[in-house]
Amino acid sequence: MTHHQPSAATCDRRRLLQQLGGGMGMIGAASVLTESARSATEVPEAAITPHFAPRAKRVIHLFMNGGPFQSDLFDPKPALTKYAGQRPAGADLLTERPTGGLLPSPFRFRPCGDSGVPVSELLPQLGQHIDDVCVIRSMHADNPNHGPALLQMNNGTIIPTRPSMGAWFLYGLGTENQNLPGYVVLCPGRPVRFSILWNSAFLPSEFQGTYIKHSKMDPDAMVPHLRNARWNPPSQRRQLDLLQQLNADHRATRPDDSALGARVEAMETAFRMQFEAGEAFDVSRETKQSREAYGSGHFANGCLLARRLVERGVRFVQVYYGNGQPWDTHSGHDENVPKLCRDIDQPIAALI
């Protein structure tokens, strides 16, 4: 058997992809490296089949903006109880707020499921499904501030010029439903850093996330101006075809303007969305049993919407909790965290 070493050019391409977006570039490698004929600005008309069979076909990313304290939820620290009140050398560092002594979590843990993973008393329903959850305790960041941490979590780096996770997924794998955006971001308000968290950066603009404010659950409020009350679909189709011809002439003189290409494609997507988005975003079509399983509140609605969207072929859905940073609980931590956990426990359990 002859073993062939990869060429220097191949190794350089691999290193480049590993660096893009903190490693997120590898997501697109399966199609990018094996489909050399594909244009960099081509919109995937259908889902792309990678060279291996993936188990996961779609992603729902639940993001607790502000950052839950891991030792309150999935990572008990017995040593904090043992050394409570003591001040190690690190406590004397100059920080934004005065640093006290070591403080244990006020919440109890118990082993759950056959795996025996410790889960906080704050998440009793999620604890029932812990055997279907992978708990990672080794993650860390190299910046202590919320803004850079948001970028690192969503874009793989604190540099605000890299594509987001969802953009890489959509670019690499395409969409399974041309009548809906392939990458949807659900948030009832505005998280810190806002749209940069779902941008496409140097990828073509059509791969950025579509932001949906779901503070009001009426589909017409979430996706306003979607339906045309004046023109029927055939008339709209003729108008759009004419407009796209004019746009094609305009784009011919600007071949490198990806933002323009994304704008043109957005009109086509918006036209197709008329026939499916209203149904996809209408949670009132769910059974009473299904609605009750998820509970109430904006986060519960977001989880239910996310499930409906991925069932209809949306590749990547993010659900942000609330406006701003509700989980940034420096003040009133012991009082606020139980309420926040009640909001997420039932919906996440139902989604799993």
Protein backbone atom coordinates (compact mmCIF):
# COMPACT_ATOMS: atom_id res chain seq x y z
CA MET A 1 0.00 0.00 0.00
CA THR A 2 1.35 3.40 -0.96
CA HIS A 3 0.82 6.29 1.45
CA HIS A 4 0.57 9.70 -0.20
CA GLN A 5 1.53 12.76 1.82
CA PRO A 6 -0.72 15.78 1.31
CA SER A 7 0.77 18.53 -0.79
CA ALA A 8 1.98 21.78 0.73
CA ALA A 9 -0.89 23.60 -0.97
CA THR A 10 -3.43 21.19 0.55
CA CYS A 11 -1.94 21.67 4.02
CA ASP A 12 -2.02 25.44 3.59
CA ARG A 13 -5.71 25.31 2.62
CA ARG A 14 -6.49 23.18 5.67
CA ARG A 15 -4.68 25.56 8.00
CA LEU A 16 -6.53 28.50 6.46
CA LEU A 17 -9.93 26.84 6.97
CA GLN A 18 -9.07 25.92 10.55
CA GLN A 19 -8.27 29.56 11.29
CA LEU A 20 -11.38 31.03 9.68
CA GLY A 21 -13.92 31.83 12.38
CA GLY A 22 -11.98 30.03 15.09
CA GLY A 23 -12.28 26.71 13.23
CA MET A 24 -15.83 27.24 11.95
CA GLY A 25 -14.43 27.31 8.40
CA MET A 26 -14.10 23.52 8.52
CA ILE A 27 -17.88 23.27 8.41
CA GLY A 28 -17.89 24.47 4.83
CA ALA A 29 -14.85 22.46 3.80
CA ALA A 30 -16.82 19.36 2.79
CA SER A 31 -18.49 21.15 -0.08
CA VAL A 32 -16.03 23.96 -0.74
CA LEU A 33 -13.03 21.69 -1.40
CA THR A 34 -14.89 18.96 -3.28
CA GLU A 35 -17.03 21.17 -5.51
CA SER A 36 -14.44 23.37 -7.21
CA ALA A 37 -16.90 24.33 -9.91
CA ARG A 38 -19.17 26.05 -7.44
CA SER A 39 -19.04 29.84 -7.66
CA ALA A 40 -18.18 31.73 -4.48
CA THR A 41 -21.32 33.84 -4.91
CA GLU A 42 -23.70 31.05 -5.84
CA VAL A 43 -26.74 30.64 -3.63
CA PRO A 44 -27.31 26.95 -2.84
CA GLU A 45 -30.56 26.00 -4.55
CA ALA A 46 -30.83 22.82 -2.53
CA ALA A 47 -29.17 21.07 0.34
CA ILE A 48 -25.61 20.06 -0.47
CA THR A 49 -24.55 16.51 0.30
CA PRO A 50 -21.15 16.40 2.02
CA HIS A 51 -18.66 13.58 1.52
CA PHE A 52 -19.74 11.94 4.79
CA ALA A 53 -23.19 11.15 6.17
CA PRO A 54 -23.91 13.58 9.04
CA ARG A 55 -26.15 12.54 11.90
CA ALA A 56 -27.30 16.10 12.55
CA LYS A 57 -29.06 17.82 9.67
CA ARG A 58 -30.21 21.03 11.39
CA VAL A 59 -29.16 23.12 14.39
CA ILE A 60 -31.17 24.91 17.07
CA HIS A 61 -28.88 27.14 19.12
CA LEU A 62 -30.36 28.35 22.42
CA PHE A 63 -28.46 31.33 23.75
CA MET A 64 -28.88 32.73 27.26
CA ASN A 65 -27.57 36.23 26.59
CA GLY A 66 -25.66 37.52 29.59
CA GLY A 67 -24.23 34.13 30.54
CA PRO A 68 -25.60 31.75 33.21
CA PHE A 69 -23.11 30.90 35.95
CA GLN A 70 -22.14 27.31 35.18
CA SER A 71 -21.71 26.42 38.86
CA ASP A 72 -25.39 27.17 39.42
CA LEU A 73 -26.58 24.76 36.71
CA PHE A 74 -24.34 21.88 35.56
CA ASP A 75 -20.94 22.26 37.21
CA PRO A 76 -20.99 21.93 41.02
CA LYS A 77 -17.84 23.12 42.80
CA PRO A 78 -17.54 21.35 46.19
CA ALA A 79 -14.26 23.16 46.84
CA LEU A 80 -16.13 26.47 46.90
CA THR A 81 -18.11 25.21 49.88
CA LYS A 82 -14.99 23.91 51.56
CA TYR A 83 -13.11 27.20 51.19
CA ALA A 84 -16.09 29.58 51.36
CA GLY A 85 -15.12 33.11 52.33
CA GLN A 86 -11.40 32.69 51.77
CA ARG A 87 -9.57 35.11 49.50
CA PRO A 88 -6.98 33.51 47.22
CA ALA A 89 -4.29 35.66 45.64
CA GLY A 90 -6.36 36.18 42.52
CA ALA A 91 -9.01 38.04 44.51
CA ASP A 92 -6.62 40.97 44.95
CA LEU A 93 -6.43 41.73 41.25
CA LEU A 94 -7.83 45.06 40.11
CA THR A 95 -11.22 44.35 38.51
CA GLU A 96 -14.27 46.33 37.42
CA ARG A 97 -16.07 45.45 40.66
CA PRO A 98 -14.61 44.69 44.09
CA THR A 99 -13.92 40.97 44.43
CA GLY A 100 -15.00 39.24 47.62
CA GLY A 101 -14.04 35.83 48.95
CA LEU A 102 -14.91 32.46 47.49
CA LEU A 103 -18.69 32.01 47.34
CA PRO A 104 -20.43 28.65 46.81
CA SER A 105 -23.63 28.35 44.80
CA PRO A 106 -26.74 28.54 47.00
CA PHE A 107 -28.47 25.88 44.88
CA ARG A 108 -28.38 22.13 45.41
CA PHE A 109 -27.40 19.49 42.85
CA ARG A 110 -28.49 15.91 42.36
CA PRO A 111 -27.34 13.18 39.95
CA CYS A 112 -29.85 12.69 37.13
CA GLY A 113 -30.52 9.99 34.54
CA ASP A 114 -28.60 6.78 34.03
CA SER A 115 -25.48 8.87 33.42
CA GLY A 116 -25.66 10.43 36.89
CA VAL A 117 -24.75 13.90 35.59
CA PRO A 118 -25.21 16.47 38.39
CA VAL A 119 -28.00 18.91 37.56
CA SER A 120 -29.12 21.89 39.60
CA GLU A 121 -32.41 21.87 41.43
CA LEU A 122 -33.25 24.89 39.25
CA LEU A 123 -33.69 22.66 36.18
CA PRO A 124 -35.82 19.71 37.31
CA GLN A 125 -37.49 19.02 33.94
CA LEU A 126 -34.28 19.28 31.94
CA GLY A 127 -32.70 16.91 34.45
CA GLN A 128 -35.15 14.24 33.33
CA HIS A 129 -33.58 14.34 29.84
CA ILE A 130 -29.93 14.71 30.85
CA ASP A 131 -29.00 11.41 29.21
CA ASP A 132 -29.70 13.11 25.87
CA VAL A 133 -27.45 16.08 26.74
CA CYS A 134 -23.69 16.47 26.40
CA VAL A 135 -22.39 18.64 29.26
CA ILE A 136 -19.03 20.28 28.48
CA ARG A 137 -17.16 21.77 31.44
CA SER A 138 -13.87 22.60 29.76
CA MET A 139 -14.89 25.59 27.64
CA HIS A 140 -13.16 28.88 28.31
CA ALA A 141 -12.69 32.32 26.79
CA ASP A 142 -9.70 34.63 26.65
CA ASN A 143 -11.61 37.84 27.28
CA PRO A 144 -13.70 38.62 30.40
CA ASN A 145 -16.15 41.07 28.80
CA HIS A 146 -19.60 40.32 27.43
CA GLY A 147 -19.21 41.87 23.98
CA PRO A 148 -16.09 39.95 22.95
CA ALA A 149 -17.49 36.79 24.57
CA LEU A 150 -20.63 37.05 22.43
CA LEU A 151 -18.50 37.30 19.32
CA GLN A 152 -16.32 34.39 20.38
CA MET A 153 -19.35 32.20 21.06
CA ASN A 154 -21.17 33.07 17.83
CA ASN A 155 -18.34 33.90 15.42
CA GLY A 156 -15.45 31.87 16.84
CA THR A 157 -13.26 34.88 17.53
CA ILE A 158 -13.40 38.28 19.24
CA ILE A 159 -12.58 39.92 15.89
CA PRO A 160 -15.83 41.28 14.40
CA THR A 161 -14.91 40.39 10.82
CA ARG A 162 -15.56 36.65 10.76
CA PRO A 163 -18.73 34.83 9.64
CA SER A 164 -21.11 33.53 12.26
CA MET A 165 -21.76 29.83 12.87
CA GLY A 166 -25.06 29.88 11.04
CA ALA A 167 -23.53 31.58 8.00
CA TRP A 168 -20.91 28.84 7.73
CA PHE A 169 -23.52 26.10 8.08
CA LEU A 170 -25.71 27.63 5.39
CA TYR A 171 -22.78 28.28 3.08
CA GLY A 172 -21.42 24.77 3.46
CA LEU A 173 -24.63 22.74 3.43
CA GLY A 174 -27.25 24.88 1.69
CA THR A 175 -30.90 25.06 2.64
CA GLU A 176 -33.59 22.40 2.50
CA ASN A 177 -36.44 24.84 1.86
CA GLN A 178 -36.23 27.63 -0.71
CA ASN A 179 -39.44 29.21 0.61
CA LEU A 180 -37.92 30.13 3.98
CA PRO A 181 -34.60 31.69 5.01
CA GLY A 182 -31.96 29.06 5.69
CA TYR A 183 -30.68 30.85 8.81
CA VAL A 184 -33.18 32.44 11.24
CA VAL A 185 -32.47 34.38 14.44
CA LEU A 186 -35.32 34.67 16.97
CA CYS A 187 -35.12 37.30 19.69
CA PRO A 188 -37.85 39.35 21.41
CA GLY A 189 -35.49 42.34 21.61
CA ARG A 190 -31.92 43.29 20.78
CA PRO A 191 -29.00 41.29 22.21
CA VAL A 192 -25.72 43.10 22.80
CA ARG A 193 -23.72 43.46 19.55
CA PHE A 194 -26.97 42.68 17.68
CA SER A 195 -26.64 41.83 13.98
CA ILE A 196 -22.89 41.31 13.97
CA LEU A 197 -23.58 38.06 15.84
CA TRP A 198 -25.30 36.57 12.79
CA ASN A 199 -23.40 38.32 10.01
CA SER A 200 -21.78 36.61 7.02
CA ALA A 201 -18.64 38.82 7.03
CA PHE A 202 -16.50 37.89 3.99
CA LEU A 203 -18.96 35.21 2.85
CA PRO A 204 -21.63 36.38 0.39
CA SER A 205 -24.30 38.43 2.12
CA GLU A 206 -27.10 35.97 1.37
CA PHE A 207 -25.71 33.66 4.04
CA GLN A 208 -26.31 36.06 6.95
CA GLY A 209 -29.05 35.36 9.48
CA THR A 210 -32.60 36.67 9.10
CA TYR A 211 -33.57 38.43 12.32
CA ILE A 212 -37.16 37.87 13.52
CA LYS A 213 -38.42 39.83 16.52
CA HIS A 214 -40.95 37.47 18.11
CA SER A 215 -42.13 39.64 21.00
CA LYS A 216 -45.55 39.50 19.30
CA MET A 217 -46.55 36.08 18.06
CA ASP A 218 -48.78 37.22 15.20
CA PRO A 219 -47.02 36.04 11.99
CA ASP A 220 -47.84 39.36 10.31
CA ALA A 221 -46.09 41.18 13.17
CA MET A 222 -43.03 38.94 13.10
CA VAL A 223 -42.66 39.16 9.32
CA PRO A 224 -44.31 42.50 8.44
CA HIS A 225 -45.24 43.56 4.90
CA LEU A 226 -44.97 39.97 3.70
CA ARG A 227 -48.31 39.75 1.94
CA ASN A 228 -49.33 42.00 -0.93
CA ALA A 229 -52.98 42.93 -0.54
CA ARG A 230 -53.14 44.58 -3.96
CA TRP A 231 -51.60 42.07 -6.38
CA ASN A 232 -52.25 38.36 -6.66
CA PRO A 233 -49.30 35.90 -6.88
CA PRO A 234 -49.24 35.62 -10.72
CA SER A 235 -49.15 39.41 -11.05
CA GLN A 236 -46.41 39.65 -8.44
CA ARG A 237 -44.44 36.96 -10.24
CA ARG A 238 -44.55 38.91 -13.51
CA GLN A 239 -43.50 42.10 -11.72
CA LEU A 240 -40.65 40.35 -9.96
CA ASP A 241 -39.45 38.69 -13.18
CA LEU A 242 -39.25 42.09 -14.85
CA LEU A 243 -37.48 43.58 -11.85
CA GLN A 244 -35.00 40.71 -11.75
CA GLN A 245 -34.17 41.25 -15.43
CA LEU A 246 -33.39 44.91 -14.69
CA ASN A 247 -31.38 43.85 -11.64
CA ALA A 248 -29.41 41.37 -13.74
CA ASP A 249 -28.40 44.16 -16.13
CA HIS A 250 -27.44 46.31 -13.14
CA ARG A 251 -25.42 43.51 -11.53
CA ALA A 252 -23.54 42.81 -14.77
CA THR A 253 -21.65 46.07 -14.27
CA ARG A 254 -20.97 45.24 -10.60
CA PRO A 255 -19.98 41.55 -10.55
CA ASP A 256 -18.13 41.75 -7.23
CA ASP A 257 -20.89 43.42 -5.19
CA SER A 258 -22.12 40.56 -2.99
CA ALA A 259 -24.39 42.88 -0.99
CA LEU A 260 -26.24 43.76 -4.17
CA GLY A 261 -26.56 40.09 -5.05
CA ALA A 262 -27.96 39.35 -1.60
CA ARG A 263 -30.51 42.16 -1.98
CA VAL A 264 -31.69 40.72 -5.28
CA GLU A 265 -31.94 37.23 -3.83
CA ALA A 266 -33.83 38.58 -0.80
CA MET A 267 -36.65 39.77 -3.06
CA GLU A 268 -36.97 36.31 -4.53
CA THR A 269 -36.99 34.74 -1.06
CA ALA A 270 -39.58 37.23 0.17
CA PHE A 271 -41.87 36.35 -2.74
CA ARG A 272 -41.61 32.63 -1.95
CA MET A 273 -42.07 33.23 1.78
CA GLN A 274 -45.61 34.47 1.19
CA PHE A 275 -46.74 30.91 0.62
CA GLU A 276 -45.08 29.24 3.59
CA ALA A 277 -43.90 31.73 6.21
CA GLY A 278 -47.39 32.51 7.50
CA GLU A 279 -47.98 28.85 8.28
CA ALA A 280 -44.46 28.21 9.64
CA PHE A 281 -44.57 31.14 12.09
CA ASP A 282 -48.14 30.52 13.25
CA VAL A 283 -47.83 28.59 16.53
CA SER A 284 -51.61 28.74 16.96
CA ARG A 285 -51.70 25.81 14.55
CA GLU A 286 -50.06 23.68 17.24
CA THR A 287 -52.27 21.44 19.34
CA LYS A 288 -53.22 22.52 22.83
CA GLN A 289 -51.15 19.65 24.18
CA SER A 290 -48.09 20.82 22.27
CA ARG A 291 -48.45 24.44 23.42
CA GLU A 292 -48.85 23.35 27.04
CA ALA A 293 -45.79 21.11 26.79
CA TYR A 294 -43.58 24.13 26.01
CA GLY A 295 -45.19 26.45 28.54
CA SER A 296 -45.63 30.19 28.11
CA GLY A 297 -43.37 33.19 27.63
CA HIS A 298 -41.15 34.53 24.88
CA PHE A 299 -38.48 31.85 25.29
CA ALA A 300 -41.06 29.05 25.20
CA ASN A 301 -42.52 30.58 22.04
CA GLY A 302 -39.04 30.83 20.56
CA CYS A 303 -38.31 27.16 21.19
CA LEU A 304 -41.63 26.14 19.66
CA LEU A 305 -41.02 28.37 16.63
CA ALA A 306 -37.53 26.93 16.24
CA ARG A 307 -38.92 23.41 16.19
CA ARG A 308 -41.50 24.36 13.55
CA LEU A 309 -38.84 26.00 11.38
CA VAL A 310 -36.36 23.12 11.42
CA GLU A 311 -39.19 20.71 10.68
CA ARG A 312 -39.74 22.75 7.51
CA GLY A 313 -36.14 22.59 6.38
CA VAL A 314 -34.53 25.69 7.92
CA ARG A 315 -30.89 24.75 8.44
CA PHE A 316 -29.89 26.90 11.45
CA VAL A 317 -32.10 28.62 14.06
CA GLN A 318 -30.89 30.69 17.00
CA VAL A 319 -33.13 31.54 19.95
CA TYR A 320 -31.92 34.41 22.14
CA TYR A 321 -33.38 34.86 25.61
CA GLY A 322 -34.87 38.31 26.02
CA ASN A 323 -33.72 41.84 25.36
CA GLY A 324 -30.18 42.92 26.20
CA GLN A 325 -28.47 40.61 28.71
CA PRO A 326 -31.05 39.22 31.15
CA TRP A 327 -28.61 36.55 32.41
CA ASP A 328 -26.03 39.14 33.42
CA THR A 329 -27.09 38.78 37.07
CA HIS A 330 -24.50 40.74 39.01
CA SER A 331 -27.24 42.30 41.14
CA GLY A 332 -29.94 40.21 42.79
CA HIS A 333 -28.36 37.01 41.55
CA ASP A 334 -29.97 34.62 44.05
CA GLU A 335 -33.43 36.09 43.39
CA ASN A 336 -33.23 36.45 39.60
CA VAL A 337 -31.59 33.16 38.61
CA PRO A 338 -34.45 30.91 39.82
CA LYS A 339 -36.94 32.95 37.79
CA LEU A 340 -34.77 32.82 34.69
CA CYS A 341 -34.36 29.07 35.06
CA ARG A 342 -38.12 28.57 35.39
CA ASP A 343 -38.47 30.34 32.04
CA ILE A 344 -36.10 27.99 30.22
CA ASP A 345 -36.47 24.64 32.02
CA GLN A 346 -39.79 23.48 30.56
CA PRO A 347 -39.26 24.75 26.98
CA ILE A 348 -35.81 23.14 26.65
CA ALA A 349 -37.09 19.87 28.09
CA ALA A 350 -40.03 19.90 25.66
CA LEU A 351 -37.74 20.69 22.73
CA ILE A 352 -35.45 17.78 23.56
